[in-house]
Amino acid sequence: MSAFAELPTLPLQQIWDGVAGRAVHGEHVTLAVVELDADSVVPEHSHENEQLGMIIAGSLTFRVGDETRELSIGCSWRIPANVPHEVRTGPGGAVAVEAFAPPRDDWNAFERLAGRRPRWP
């Protein structure tokens, strides 16, 4: 396996309805580009993985624990392990880059989608 890949060659995986991601899994971290369709919802959930992210296109409303923020391009977040969080996009959708540690091994079970080019850049 090569140490390099281009975004369009990474498998696109359906995470939730209207939310799909392309990921690179390392030994200790997962790096993902997550595409959120217009008016999509990432329902409240939590996981053992620490999560860091930044919006690179669009905007969204993000709730981490008891704190909610409207986020746009260049805004970032940090979610400690096991803290409940949820996301809602507006009519323009959004694209985010996220890192998870430890790796998101559960993403291996997500459905792979074919034929869709990345929404960014």
PDB file of N, CA and C in Angstrom:
ATOM      1  N   MET A   1       0.845  -1.181   0.000  1.00  0.00           N
ATOM      2  CA  MET A   1       0.000   0.000   0.000  1.00  0.00           C
ATOM      3  C   MET A   1       0.888   1.241   0.000  1.00  0.00           C
ATOM      4  N   SER A   2       0.562   2.209  -0.832  1.00  0.00           N
ATOM      5  CA  SER A   2       1.331   3.437  -0.936  1.00  0.00           C
ATOM      6  C   SER A   2       1.096   4.333   0.279  1.00  0.00           C
ATOM      7  N   ALA A   3       2.062   5.162   0.565  1.00  0.00           N
ATOM      8  CA  ALA A   3       1.922   6.154   1.627  1.00  0.00           C
ATOM      9  C   ALA A   3       1.116   7.356   1.157  1.00  0.00           C
ATOM     10  N   PHE A   4       0.752   7.408  -0.142  1.00  0.00           N
ATOM     11  CA  PHE A   4       0.095   8.577  -0.711  1.00  0.00           C
ATOM     12  C   PHE A   4      -1.230   8.202  -1.377  1.00  0.00           C
ATOM     13  N   ALA A   5      -2.165   9.154  -1.389  1.00  0.00           N
ATOM     14  CA  ALA A   5      -3.437   8.970  -2.092  1.00  0.00           C
ATOM     15  C   ALA A   5      -3.994  10.345  -2.440  1.00  0.00           C
ATOM     16  N   GLU A   6      -4.813  10.397  -3.478  1.00  0.00           N
ATOM     17  CA  GLU A   6      -5.507  11.626  -3.855  1.00  0.00           C
ATOM     18  C   GLU A   6      -6.946  11.523  -3.402  1.00  0.00           C
ATOM     19  N   LEU A   7      -7.515  12.643  -2.975  1.00  0.00           N
ATOM     20  CA  LEU A   7      -8.864  12.652  -2.414  1.00  0.00           C
ATOM     21  C   LEU A   7      -9.884  11.897  -3.266  1.00  0.00           C
ATOM     22  N   PRO A   8      -9.935  12.109  -4.581  1.00  0.00           N
ATOM     23  CA  PRO A   8     -10.946  11.386  -5.367  1.00  0.00           C
ATOM     24  C   PRO A   8     -10.777   9.869  -5.375  1.00  0.00           C
ATOM     25  N   THR A   9      -9.573   9.375  -5.028  1.00  0.00           N
ATOM     26  CA  THR A   9      -9.353   7.928  -5.044  1.00  0.00           C
ATOM     27  C   THR A   9      -9.737   7.260  -3.725  1.00  0.00           C
ATOM     28  N   LEU A  10      -9.973   8.045  -2.684  1.00  0.00           N
ATOM     29  CA  LEU A  10     -10.384   7.474  -1.396  1.00  0.00           C
ATOM     30  C   LEU A  10     -11.848   7.069  -1.471  1.00  0.00           C
ATOM     31  N   PRO A  11     -12.217   5.915  -0.954  1.00  0.00           N
ATOM     32  CA  PRO A  11     -13.619   5.482  -1.012  1.00  0.00           C
ATOM     33  C   PRO A  11     -14.528   6.456  -0.260  1.00  0.00           C
ATOM     34  N   LEU A  12     -15.654   6.786  -0.865  1.00  0.00           N
ATOM     35  CA  LEU A  12     -16.665   7.623  -0.217  1.00  0.00           C
ATOM     36  C   LEU A  12     -17.604   6.700   0.547  1.00  0.00           C
ATOM     37  N   GLN A  13     -17.784   6.974   1.843  1.00  0.00           N
ATOM     38  CA  GLN A  13     -18.602   6.114   2.687  1.00  0.00           C
ATOM     39  C   GLN A  13     -19.789   6.891   3.256  1.00  0.00           C
ATOM     40  N   GLN A  14     -20.952   6.266   3.221  1.00  0.00           N
ATOM     41  CA  GLN A  14     -22.175   6.861   3.778  1.00  0.00           C
ATOM     42  C   GLN A  14     -22.125   6.738   5.297  1.00  0.00           C
ATOM     43  N   ILE A  15     -22.094   7.868   6.008  1.00  0.00           N
ATOM     44  CA  ILE A  15     -22.023   7.846   7.464  1.00  0.00           C
ATOM     45  C   ILE A  15     -23.419   7.989   8.069  1.00  0.00           C
ATOM     46  N   TRP A  16     -24.159   8.985   7.616  1.00  0.00           N
ATOM     47  CA  TRP A  16     -25.574   9.178   7.950  1.00  0.00           C
ATOM     48  C   TRP A  16     -26.258   9.630   6.672  1.00  0.00           C
ATOM     49  N   ASP A  17     -27.568   9.736   6.692  1.00  0.00           N
ATOM     50  CA  ASP A  17     -28.304  10.253   5.548  1.00  0.00           C
ATOM     51  C   ASP A  17     -27.828  11.674   5.262  1.00  0.00           C
ATOM     52  N   GLY A  18     -27.309  11.922   4.071  1.00  0.00           N
ATOM     53  CA  GLY A  18     -26.833  13.249   3.700  1.00  0.00           C
ATOM     54  C   GLY A  18     -25.435  13.577   4.194  1.00  0.00           C
ATOM     55  N   VAL A  19     -24.747  12.607   4.801  1.00  0.00           N
ATOM     56  CA  VAL A  19     -23.401  12.828   5.333  1.00  0.00           C
ATOM     57  C   VAL A  19     -22.509  11.678   4.878  1.00  0.00           C
ATOM     58  N   ALA A  20     -21.442  12.026   4.140  1.00  0.00           N
ATOM     59  CA  ALA A  20     -20.525  11.016   3.625  1.00  0.00           C
ATOM     60  C   ALA A  20     -19.090  11.463   3.872  1.00  0.00           C
ATOM     61  N   GLY A  21     -18.177  10.499   3.966  1.00  0.00           N
ATOM     62  CA  GLY A  21     -16.793  10.845   4.238  1.00  0.00           C
ATOM     63  C   GLY A  21     -15.807   9.996   3.478  1.00  0.00           C
ATOM     64  N   ARG A  22     -14.613  10.560   3.308  1.00  0.00           N
ATOM     65  CA  ARG A  22     -13.471   9.860   2.729  1.00  0.00           C
ATOM     66  C   ARG A  22     -12.380   9.895   3.790  1.00  0.00           C
ATOM     67  N   ALA A  23     -11.800   8.754   4.116  1.00  0.00           N
ATOM     68  CA  ALA A  23     -10.878   8.702   5.250  1.00  0.00           C
ATOM     69  C   ALA A  23      -9.566   8.029   4.911  1.00  0.00           C
ATOM     70  N   VAL A  24      -8.532   8.484   5.611  1.00  0.00           N
ATOM     71  CA  VAL A  24      -7.224   7.847   5.630  1.00  0.00           C
ATOM     72  C   VAL A  24      -7.044   7.355   7.059  1.00  0.00           C
ATOM     73  N   HIS A  25      -6.838   6.055   7.215  1.00  0.00           N
ATOM     74  CA  HIS A  25      -6.698   5.461   8.540  1.00  0.00           C
ATOM     75  C   HIS A  25      -5.235   5.151   8.806  1.00  0.00           C
ATOM     76  N   GLY A  26      -4.726   5.706   9.895  1.00  0.00           N
ATOM     77  CA  GLY A  26      -3.376   5.403  10.332  1.00  0.00           C
ATOM     78  C   GLY A  26      -3.407   4.459  11.517  1.00  0.00           C
ATOM     79  N   GLU A  27      -2.254   4.199  12.061  1.00  0.00           N
ATOM     80  CA  GLU A  27      -2.166   3.303  13.211  1.00  0.00           C
ATOM     81  C   GLU A  27      -2.796   3.921  14.459  1.00  0.00           C
ATOM     82  N   HIS A  28      -2.715   5.264  14.593  1.00  0.00           N
ATOM     83  CA  HIS A  28      -3.197   5.927  15.803  1.00  0.00           C
ATOM     84  C   HIS A  28      -4.225   7.021  15.537  1.00  0.00           C
ATOM     85  N   VAL A  29      -4.552   7.290  14.285  1.00  0.00           N
ATOM     86  CA  VAL A  29      -5.453   8.396  13.961  1.00  0.00           C
ATOM     87  C   VAL A  29      -6.173   8.130  12.641  1.00  0.00           C
ATOM     88  N   THR A  30      -7.379   8.683  12.510  1.00  0.00           N
ATOM     89  CA  THR A  30      -8.107   8.719  11.241  1.00  0.00           C
ATOM     90  C   THR A  30      -8.242  10.171  10.825  1.00  0.00           C
ATOM     91  N   LEU A  31      -7.946  10.469   9.571  1.00  0.00           N
ATOM     92  CA  LEU A  31      -8.142  11.795   8.993  1.00  0.00           C
ATOM     93  C   LEU A  31      -9.227  11.664   7.939  1.00  0.00           C
ATOM     94  N   ALA A  32     -10.246  12.525   8.009  1.00  0.00           N
ATOM     95  CA  ALA A  32     -11.381  12.386   7.096  1.00  0.00           C
ATOM     96  C   ALA A  32     -11.794  13.729   6.510  1.00  0.00           C
ATOM     97  N   VAL A  33     -12.277  13.685   5.276  1.00  0.00           N
ATOM     98  CA  VAL A  33     -12.978  14.812   4.667  1.00  0.00           C
ATOM     99  C   VAL A  33     -14.442  14.406   4.654  1.00  0.00           C
ATOM    100  N   VAL A  34     -15.280  15.172   5.357  1.00  0.00           N
ATOM    101  CA  VAL A  34     -16.689  14.847   5.524  1.00  0.00           C
ATOM    102  C   VAL A  34     -17.529  15.847   4.741  1.00  0.00           C
ATOM    103  N   GLU A  35     -18.394  15.327   3.865  1.00  0.00           N
ATOM    104  CA  GLU A  35     -19.271  16.145   3.033  1.00  0.00           C
ATOM    105  C   GLU A  35     -20.688  16.063   3.590  1.00  0.00           C
ATOM    106  N   LEU A  36     -21.249  17.213   3.947  1.00  0.00           N
ATOM    107  CA  LEU A  36     -22.597  17.278   4.513  1.00  0.00           C
ATOM    108  C   LEU A  36     -23.514  17.974   3.517  1.00  0.00           C
ATOM    109  N   ASP A  37     -24.551  17.286   3.079  1.00  0.00           N
ATOM    110  CA  ASP A  37     -25.497  17.861   2.134  1.00  0.00           C
ATOM    111  C   ASP A  37     -26.285  18.992   2.779  1.00  0.00           C
ATOM    112  N   ALA A  38     -26.957  19.770   1.952  1.00  0.00           N
ATOM    113  CA  ALA A  38     -27.835  20.837   2.436  1.00  0.00           C
ATOM    114  C   ALA A  38     -28.884  20.255   3.375  1.00  0.00           C
ATOM    115  N   ASP A  39     -29.157  20.983   4.447  1.00  0.00           N
ATOM    116  CA  ASP A  39     -30.204  20.625   5.414  1.00  0.00           C
ATOM    117  C   ASP A  39     -30.026  19.214   5.981  1.00  0.00           C
ATOM    118  N   SER A  40     -28.798  18.799   6.194  1.00  0.00           N
ATOM    119  CA  SER A  40     -28.553  17.473   6.764  1.00  0.00           C
ATOM    120  C   SER A  40     -28.364  17.568   8.272  1.00  0.00           C
ATOM    121  N   VAL A  41     -28.507  16.430   8.927  1.00  0.00           N
ATOM    122  CA  VAL A  41     -28.389  16.356  10.382  1.00  0.00           C
ATOM    123  C   VAL A  41     -27.472  15.192  10.754  1.00  0.00           C
ATOM    124  N   VAL A  42     -26.496  15.474  11.596  1.00  0.00           N
ATOM    125  CA  VAL A  42     -25.724  14.432  12.254  1.00  0.00           C
ATOM    126  C   VAL A  42     -26.360  14.314  13.633  1.00  0.00           C
ATOM    127  N   PRO A  43     -27.099  13.248  13.884  1.00  0.00           N
ATOM    128  CA  PRO A  43     -27.828  13.150  15.154  1.00  0.00           C
ATOM    129  C   PRO A  43     -26.882  13.088  16.356  1.00  0.00           C
ATOM    130  N   GLU A  44     -27.414  13.473  17.513  1.00  0.00           N
ATOM    131  CA  GLU A  44     -26.588  13.420  18.721  1.00  0.00           C
ATOM    132  C   GLU A  44     -25.997  12.026  18.897  1.00  0.00           C
ATOM    133  N   HIS A  45     -24.718  11.998  19.182  1.00  0.00           N
ATOM    134  CA  HIS A  45     -24.015  10.748  19.423  1.00  0.00           C
ATOM    135  C   HIS A  45     -22.733  11.064  20.194  1.00  0.00           C
ATOM    136  N   SER A  46     -22.062  10.044  20.639  1.00  0.00           N
ATOM    137  CA  SER A  46     -20.754  10.195  21.262  1.00  0.00           C
ATOM    138  C   SER A  46     -19.943   8.947  20.928  1.00  0.00           C
ATOM    139  N   HIS A  47     -18.646   9.043  21.090  1.00  0.00           N
ATOM    140  CA  HIS A  47     -17.768   7.917  20.796  1.00  0.00           C
ATOM    141  C   HIS A  47     -16.489   8.059  21.598  1.00  0.00           C
ATOM    142  N   GLU A  48     -15.738   6.968  21.676  1.00  0.00           N
ATOM    143  CA  GLU A  48     -14.501   6.955  22.468  1.00  0.00           C
ATOM    144  C   GLU A  48     -13.394   7.785  21.826  1.00  0.00           C
ATOM    145  N   ASN A  49     -13.572   8.177  20.558  1.00  0.00           N
ATOM    146  CA  ASN A  49     -12.534   8.889  19.824  1.00  0.00           C
ATOM    147  C   ASN A  49     -12.556  10.376  20.154  1.00  0.00           C
ATOM    148  N   GLU A  50     -11.389  10.958  20.434  1.00  0.00           N
ATOM    149  CA  GLU A  50     -11.275  12.408  20.463  1.00  0.00           C
ATOM    150  C   GLU A  50     -11.426  12.874  19.026  1.00  0.00           C
ATOM    151  N   GLN A  51     -12.059  14.030  18.818  1.00  0.00           N
ATOM    152  CA  GLN A  51     -12.345  14.499  17.467  1.00  0.00           C
ATOM    153  C   GLN A  51     -11.964  15.972  17.343  1.00  0.00           C
ATOM    154  N   LEU A  52     -11.184  16.284  16.311  1.00  0.00           N
ATOM    155  CA  LEU A  52     -10.820  17.650  15.980  1.00  0.00           C
ATOM    156  C   LEU A  52     -11.282  17.921  14.561  1.00  0.00           C
ATOM    157  N   GLY A  53     -11.750  19.134  14.287  1.00  0.00           N
ATOM    158  CA  GLY A  53     -12.198  19.412  12.935  1.00  0.00           C
ATOM    159  C   GLY A  53     -12.157  20.874  12.576  1.00  0.00           C
ATOM    160  N   MET A  54     -12.313  21.131  11.260  1.00  0.00           N
ATOM    161  CA  MET A  54     -12.349  22.488  10.728  1.00  0.00           C
ATOM    162  C   MET A  54     -13.221  22.498   9.469  1.00  0.00           C
ATOM    163  N   ILE A  55     -14.007  23.546   9.323  1.00  0.00           N
ATOM    164  CA  ILE A  55     -14.838  23.705   8.124  1.00  0.00           C
ATOM    165  C   ILE A  55     -13.995  24.297   7.003  1.00  0.00           C
ATOM    166  N   ILE A  56     -14.072  23.678   5.821  1.00  0.00           N
ATOM    167  CA  ILE A  56     -13.340  24.191   4.666  1.00  0.00           C
ATOM    168  C   ILE A  56     -14.287  24.693   3.580  1.00  0.00           C
ATOM    169  N   ALA A  57     -15.593  24.431   3.720  1.00  0.00           N
ATOM    170  CA  ALA A  57     -16.594  24.959   2.785  1.00  0.00           C
ATOM    171  C   ALA A  57     -17.948  24.967   3.485  1.00  0.00           C
ATOM    172  N   GLY A  58     -18.751  26.007   3.233  1.00  0.00           N
ATOM    173  CA  GLY A  58     -20.099  26.074   3.777  1.00  0.00           C
ATOM    174  C   GLY A  58     -20.141  26.527   5.225  1.00  0.00           C
ATOM    175  N   SER A  59     -21.221  26.159   5.903  1.00  0.00           N
ATOM    176  CA  SER A  59     -21.409  26.514   7.304  1.00  0.00           C
ATOM    177  C   SER A  59     -22.327  25.497   7.962  1.00  0.00           C
ATOM    178  N   LEU A  60     -22.316  25.493   9.291  1.00  0.00           N
ATOM    179  CA  LEU A  60     -23.163  24.554  10.027  1.00  0.00           C
ATOM    180  C   LEU A  60     -23.353  25.031  11.457  1.00  0.00           C
ATOM    181  N   THR A  61     -24.299  24.418  12.130  1.00  0.00           N
ATOM    182  CA  THR A  61     -24.521  24.641  13.551  1.00  0.00           C
ATOM    183  C   THR A  61     -24.033  23.398  14.276  1.00  0.00           C
ATOM    184  N   PHE A  62     -23.125  23.585  15.219  1.00  0.00           N
ATOM    185  CA  PHE A  62     -22.476  22.472  15.897  1.00  0.00           C
ATOM    186  C   PHE A  62     -22.753  22.593  17.393  1.00  0.00           C
ATOM    187  N   ARG A  63     -23.194  21.492  18.001  1.00  0.00           N
ATOM    188  CA  ARG A  63     -23.359  21.452  19.457  1.00  0.00           C
ATOM    189  C   ARG A  63     -22.406  20.412  20.008  1.00  0.00           C
ATOM    190  N   VAL A  64     -21.591  20.822  20.963  1.00  0.00           N
ATOM    191  CA  VAL A  64     -20.684  19.935  21.689  1.00  0.00           C
ATOM    192  C   VAL A  64     -21.037  20.074  23.162  1.00  0.00           C
ATOM    193  N   GLY A  65     -21.522  18.990  23.774  1.00  0.00           N
ATOM    194  CA  GLY A  65     -21.971  19.072  25.164  1.00  0.00           C
ATOM    195  C   GLY A  65     -23.113  20.064  25.270  1.00  0.00           C
ATOM    196  N   ASP A  66     -22.951  21.088  26.090  1.00  0.00           N
ATOM    197  CA  ASP A  66     -23.982  22.118  26.282  1.00  0.00           C
ATOM    198  C   ASP A  66     -23.704  23.387  25.495  1.00  0.00           C
ATOM    199  N   GLU A  67     -22.671  23.398  24.649  1.00  0.00           N
ATOM    200  CA  GLU A  67     -22.278  24.595  23.914  1.00  0.00           C
ATOM    201  C   GLU A  67     -22.637  24.452  22.433  1.00  0.00           C
ATOM    202  N   THR A  68     -23.336  25.464  21.894  1.00  0.00           N
ATOM    203  CA  THR A  68     -23.737  25.464  20.482  1.00  0.00           C
ATOM    204  C   THR A  68     -23.148  26.691  19.802  1.00  0.00           C
ATOM    205  N   ARG A  69     -22.624  26.488  18.584  1.00  0.00           N
ATOM    206  CA  ARG A  69     -22.040  27.585  17.807  1.00  0.00           C
ATOM    207  C   ARG A  69     -22.431  27.475  16.342  1.00  0.00           C
ATOM    208  N   GLU A  70     -22.587  28.634  15.716  1.00  0.00           N
ATOM    209  CA  GLU A  70     -22.713  28.729  14.264  1.00  0.00           C
ATOM    210  C   GLU A  70     -21.289  28.818  13.731  1.00  0.00           C
ATOM    211  N   LEU A  71     -20.903  27.896  12.848  1.00  0.00           N
ATOM    212  CA  LEU A  71     -19.536  27.836  12.347  1.00  0.00           C
ATOM    213  C   LEU A  71     -19.497  28.016  10.840  1.00  0.00           C
ATOM    214  N   SER A  72     -18.460  28.714  10.360  1.00  0.00           N
ATOM    215  CA  SER A  72     -18.269  28.924   8.927  1.00  0.00           C
ATOM    216  C   SER A  72     -16.828  28.580   8.576  1.00  0.00           C
ATOM    217  N   ILE A  73     -16.448  28.812   7.333  1.00  0.00           N
ATOM    218  CA  ILE A  73     -15.124  28.435   6.837  1.00  0.00           C
ATOM    219  C   ILE A  73     -14.027  28.940   7.775  1.00  0.00           C
ATOM    220  N   GLY A  74     -13.136  28.022   8.141  1.00  0.00           N
ATOM    221  CA  GLY A  74     -12.011  28.351   9.000  1.00  0.00           C
ATOM    222  C   GLY A  74     -12.262  28.117  10.477  1.00  0.00           C
ATOM    223  N   CYS A  75     -13.517  27.888  10.866  1.00  0.00           N
ATOM    224  CA  CYS A  75     -13.820  27.608  12.280  1.00  0.00           C
ATOM    225  C   CYS A  75     -13.473  26.158  12.602  1.00  0.00           C
ATOM    226  N   SER A  76     -13.066  25.926  13.848  1.00  0.00           N
ATOM    227  CA  SER A  76     -12.652  24.585  14.247  1.00  0.00           C
ATOM    228  C   SER A  76     -13.367  24.159  15.516  1.00  0.00           C
ATOM    229  N   TRP A  77     -13.212  22.867  15.858  1.00  0.00           N
ATOM    230  CA  TRP A  77     -13.804  22.314  17.070  1.00  0.00           C
ATOM    231  C   TRP A  77     -12.917  21.224  17.639  1.00  0.00           C
ATOM    232  N   ARG A  78     -13.145  20.974  18.927  1.00  0.00           N
ATOM    233  CA  ARG A  78     -12.461  19.911  19.654  1.00  0.00           C
ATOM    234  C   ARG A  78     -13.511  19.220  20.495  1.00  0.00           C
ATOM    235  N   ILE A  79     -13.632  17.918  20.326  1.00  0.00           N
ATOM    236  CA  ILE A  79     -14.605  17.137  21.080  1.00  0.00           C
ATOM    237  C   ILE A  79     -13.847  16.065  21.853  1.00  0.00           C
ATOM    238  N   PRO A  80     -13.841  16.161  23.185  1.00  0.00           N
ATOM    239  CA  PRO A  80     -13.200  15.099  23.973  1.00  0.00           C
ATOM    240  C   PRO A  80     -13.961  13.782  23.805  1.00  0.00           C
ATOM    241  N   ALA A  81     -13.312  12.699  24.146  1.00  0.00           N
ATOM    242  CA  ALA A  81     -13.941  11.380  24.074  1.00  0.00           C
ATOM    243  C   ALA A  81     -15.233  11.348  24.895  1.00  0.00           C
ATOM    244  N   ASN A  82     -16.237  10.668  24.349  1.00  0.00           N
ATOM    245  CA  ASN A  82     -17.508  10.382  25.024  1.00  0.00           C
ATOM    246  C   ASN A  82     -18.366  11.603  25.340  1.00  0.00           C
ATOM    247  N   VAL A  83     -18.125  12.741  24.690  1.00  0.00           N
ATOM    248  CA  VAL A  83     -18.962  13.924  24.882  1.00  0.00           C
ATOM    249  C   VAL A  83     -20.027  13.947  23.779  1.00  0.00           C
ATOM    250  N   PRO A  84     -21.312  14.058  24.137  1.00  0.00           N
ATOM    251  CA  PRO A  84     -22.372  14.102  23.126  1.00  0.00           C
ATOM    252  C   PRO A  84     -22.236  15.337  22.231  1.00  0.00           C
ATOM    253  N   HIS A  85     -22.504  15.141  20.937  1.00  0.00           N
ATOM    254  CA  HIS A  85     -22.444  16.249  19.991  1.00  0.00           C
ATOM    255  C   HIS A  85     -23.383  15.976  18.822  1.00  0.00           C
ATOM    256  N   GLU A  86     -23.775  17.060  18.127  1.00  0.00           N
ATOM    257  CA  GLU A  86     -24.627  16.948  16.946  1.00  0.00           C
ATOM    258  C   GLU A  86     -24.354  18.128  16.023  1.00  0.00           C
ATOM    259  N   VAL A  87     -24.749  17.967  14.745  1.00  0.00           N
ATOM    260  CA  VAL A  87     -24.491  18.973  13.721  1.00  0.00           C
ATOM    261  C   VAL A  87     -25.726  19.116  12.845  1.00  0.00           C
ATOM    262  N   ARG A  88     -25.987  20.364  12.435  1.00  0.00           N
ATOM    263  CA  ARG A  88     -27.048  20.655  11.461  1.00  0.00           C
ATOM    264  C   ARG A  88     -26.487  21.620  10.428  1.00  0.00           C
ATOM    265  N   THR A  89     -26.742  21.326   9.150  1.00  0.00           N
ATOM    266  CA  THR A  89     -26.316  22.242   8.094  1.00  0.00           C
ATOM    267  C   THR A  89     -27.509  23.041   7.608  1.00  0.00           C
ATOM    268  N   GLY A  90     -27.211  24.145   6.968  1.00  0.00           N
ATOM    269  CA  GLY A  90     -28.237  24.960   6.347  1.00  0.00           C
ATOM    270  C   GLY A  90     -28.392  24.591   4.881  1.00  0.00           C
ATOM    271  N   PRO A  91     -28.964  25.497   4.096  1.00  0.00           N
ATOM    272  CA  PRO A  91     -29.251  25.195   2.689  1.00  0.00           C
ATOM    273  C   PRO A  91     -28.018  25.032   1.811  1.00  0.00           C
ATOM    274  N   GLY A  92     -26.852  25.472   2.282  1.00  0.00           N
ATOM    275  CA  GLY A  92     -25.642  25.343   1.476  1.00  0.00           C
ATOM    276  C   GLY A  92     -24.805  24.123   1.778  1.00  0.00           C
ATOM    277  N   GLY A  93     -25.139  23.376   2.826  1.00  0.00           N
ATOM    278  CA  GLY A  93     -24.318  22.224   3.207  1.00  0.00           C
ATOM    279  C   GLY A  93     -22.954  22.661   3.713  1.00  0.00           C
ATOM    280  N   ALA A  94     -22.027  21.707   3.838  1.00  0.00           N
ATOM    281  CA  ALA A  94     -20.693  22.024   4.342  1.00  0.00           C
ATOM    282  C   ALA A  94     -19.727  20.889   4.016  1.00  0.00           C
ATOM    283  N   VAL A  95     -18.443  21.217   4.089  1.00  0.00           N
ATOM    284  CA  VAL A  95     -17.372  20.218   3.992  1.00  0.00           C
ATOM    285  C   VAL A  95     -16.427  20.485   5.151  1.00  0.00           C
ATOM    286  N   ALA A  96     -16.051  19.419   5.864  1.00  0.00           N
ATOM    287  CA  ALA A  96     -15.151  19.547   7.008  1.00  0.00           C
ATOM    288  C   ALA A  96     -14.006  18.560   6.892  1.00  0.00           C
ATOM    289  N   VAL A  97     -12.872  18.935   7.467  1.00  0.00           N
ATOM    290  CA  VAL A  97     -11.746  18.013   7.632  1.00  0.00           C
ATOM    291  C   VAL A  97     -11.707  17.676   9.112  1.00  0.00           C
ATOM    292  N   GLU A  98     -11.666  16.370   9.430  1.00  0.00           N
ATOM    293  CA  GLU A  98     -11.697  15.949  10.823  1.00  0.00           C
ATOM    294  C   GLU A  98     -10.627  14.899  11.095  1.00  0.00           C
ATOM    295  N   ALA A  99     -10.115  14.919  12.319  1.00  0.00           N
ATOM    296  CA  ALA A  99      -9.168  13.915  12.784  1.00  0.00           C
ATOM    297  C   ALA A  99      -9.760  13.234  14.011  1.00  0.00           C
ATOM    298  N   PHE A 100      -9.584  11.924  14.084  1.00  0.00           N
ATOM    299  CA  PHE A 100     -10.092  11.116  15.194  1.00  0.00           C
ATOM    300  C   PHE A 100      -8.955  10.269  15.752  1.00  0.00           C
ATOM    301  N   ALA A 101      -8.859  10.246  17.074  1.00  0.00           N
ATOM    302  CA  ALA A 101      -7.887   9.368  17.722  1.00  0.00           C
ATOM    303  C   ALA A 101      -8.557   8.727  18.928  1.00  0.00           C
ATOM    304  N   PRO A 102      -8.498   7.422  19.076  1.00  0.00           N
ATOM    305  CA  PRO A 102      -7.891   6.468  18.158  1.00  0.00           C
ATOM    306  C   PRO A 102      -8.654   6.413  16.830  1.00  0.00           C
ATOM    307  N   PRO A 103      -8.142   5.652  15.846  1.00  0.00           N
ATOM    308  CA  PRO A 103      -8.785   5.581  14.529  1.00  0.00           C
ATOM    309  C   PRO A 103     -10.246   5.136  14.620  1.00  0.00           C
ATOM    310  N   ARG A 104     -11.033   5.560  13.623  1.00  0.00           N
ATOM    311  CA  ARG A 104     -12.449   5.195  13.538  1.00  0.00           C
ATOM    312  C   ARG A 104     -12.589   3.840  12.855  1.00  0.00           C
ATOM    313  N   ASP A 105     -12.269   2.783  13.562  1.00  0.00           N
ATOM    314  CA  ASP A 105     -12.391   1.441  13.012  1.00  0.00           C
ATOM    315  C   ASP A 105     -13.826   1.105  12.640  1.00  0.00           C
ATOM    316  N   ASP A 106     -14.803   1.729  13.315  1.00  0.00           N
ATOM    317  CA  ASP A 106     -16.215   1.470  13.014  1.00  0.00           C
ATOM    318  C   ASP A 106     -16.597   1.940  11.615  1.00  0.00           C
ATOM    319  N   TRP A 107     -15.827   2.847  11.018  1.00  0.00           N
ATOM    320  CA  TRP A 107     -16.147   3.317   9.677  1.00  0.00           C
ATOM    321  C   TRP A 107     -15.961   2.222   8.630  1.00  0.00           C
ATOM    322  N   ASN A 108     -15.232   1.175   8.932  1.00  0.00           N
ATOM    323  CA  ASN A 108     -15.040   0.081   7.977  1.00  0.00           C
ATOM    324  C   ASN A 108     -16.351  -0.591   7.599  1.00  0.00           C
ATOM    325  N   ALA A 109     -17.367  -0.493   8.455  1.00  0.00           N
ATOM    326  CA  ALA A 109     -18.659  -1.130   8.187  1.00  0.00           C
ATOM    327  C   ALA A 109     -19.595  -0.256   7.363  1.00  0.00           C
ATOM    328  N   PHE A 110     -19.268   1.020   7.158  1.00  0.00           N
ATOM    329  CA  PHE A 110     -20.165   1.918   6.425  1.00  0.00           C
ATOM    330  C   PHE A 110     -20.216   1.574   4.941  1.00  0.00           C
ATOM    331  N   GLU A 111     -21.383   1.786   4.358  1.00  0.00           N
ATOM    332  CA  GLU A 111     -21.599   1.548   2.923  1.00  0.00           C
ATOM    333  C   GLU A 111     -20.690   2.449   2.095  1.00  0.00           C
ATOM    334  N   ARG A 112     -20.114   1.875   1.054  1.00  0.00           N
ATOM    335  CA  ARG A 112     -19.288   2.648   0.122  1.00  0.00           C
ATOM    336  C   ARG A 112     -20.141   3.106  -1.042  1.00  0.00           C
ATOM    337  N   LEU A 113     -19.995   4.373  -1.388  1.00  0.00           N
ATOM    338  CA  LEU A 113     -20.744   4.974  -2.487  1.00  0.00           C
ATOM    339  C   LEU A 113     -19.818   5.102  -3.684  1.00  0.00           C
ATOM    340  N   ALA A 114     -20.339   4.918  -4.853  1.00  0.00           N
ATOM    341  CA  ALA A 114     -19.510   4.982  -6.058  1.00  0.00           C
ATOM    342  C   ALA A 114     -19.884   6.194  -6.906  1.00  0.00           C
ATOM    343  N   GLY A 115     -18.872   6.715  -7.614  1.00  0.00           N
ATOM    344  CA  GLY A 115     -19.125   7.675  -8.658  1.00  0.00           C
ATOM    345  C   GLY A 115     -19.306   9.126  -8.264  1.00  0.00           C
ATOM    346  N   ARG A 116     -19.126   9.487  -7.013  1.00  0.00           N
ATOM    347  CA  ARG A 116     -19.309  10.895  -6.637  1.00  0.00           C
ATOM    348  C   ARG A 116     -17.954  11.549  -6.420  1.00  0.00           C
ATOM    349  N   ARG A 117     -17.711  12.622  -7.145  1.00  0.00           N
ATOM    350  CA  ARG A 117     -16.484  13.380  -6.989  1.00  0.00           C
ATOM    351  C   ARG A 117     -16.536  14.175  -5.687  1.00  0.00           C
ATOM    352  N   PRO A 118     -15.387  14.463  -5.089  1.00  0.00           N
ATOM    353  CA  PRO A 118     -15.371  15.295  -3.880  1.00  0.00           C
ATOM    354  C   PRO A 118     -15.979  16.671  -4.147  1.00  0.00           C
ATOM    355  N   ARG A 119     -16.649  17.223  -3.130  1.00  0.00           N
ATOM    356  CA  ARG A 119     -17.245  18.554  -3.248  1.00  0.00           C
ATOM    357  C   ARG A 119     -16.228  19.642  -3.025  1.00  0.00           C
ATOM    358  N   TRP A 120     -15.008  19.273  -2.636  1.00  0.00           N
ATOM    359  CA  TRP A 120     -13.959  20.241  -2.390  1.00  0.00           C
ATOM    360  C   TRP A 120     -12.644  19.649  -2.848  1.00  0.00           C
ATOM    361  N   PRO A 121     -11.722  20.331  -3.394  1.00  0.00           N
ATOM    362  CA  PRO A 121     -11.738  21.746  -3.739  1.00  0.00           C
ATOM    363  C   PRO A 121     -12.506  22.017  -4.997  1.00  0.00           C
TER     364      PRO A 121
END
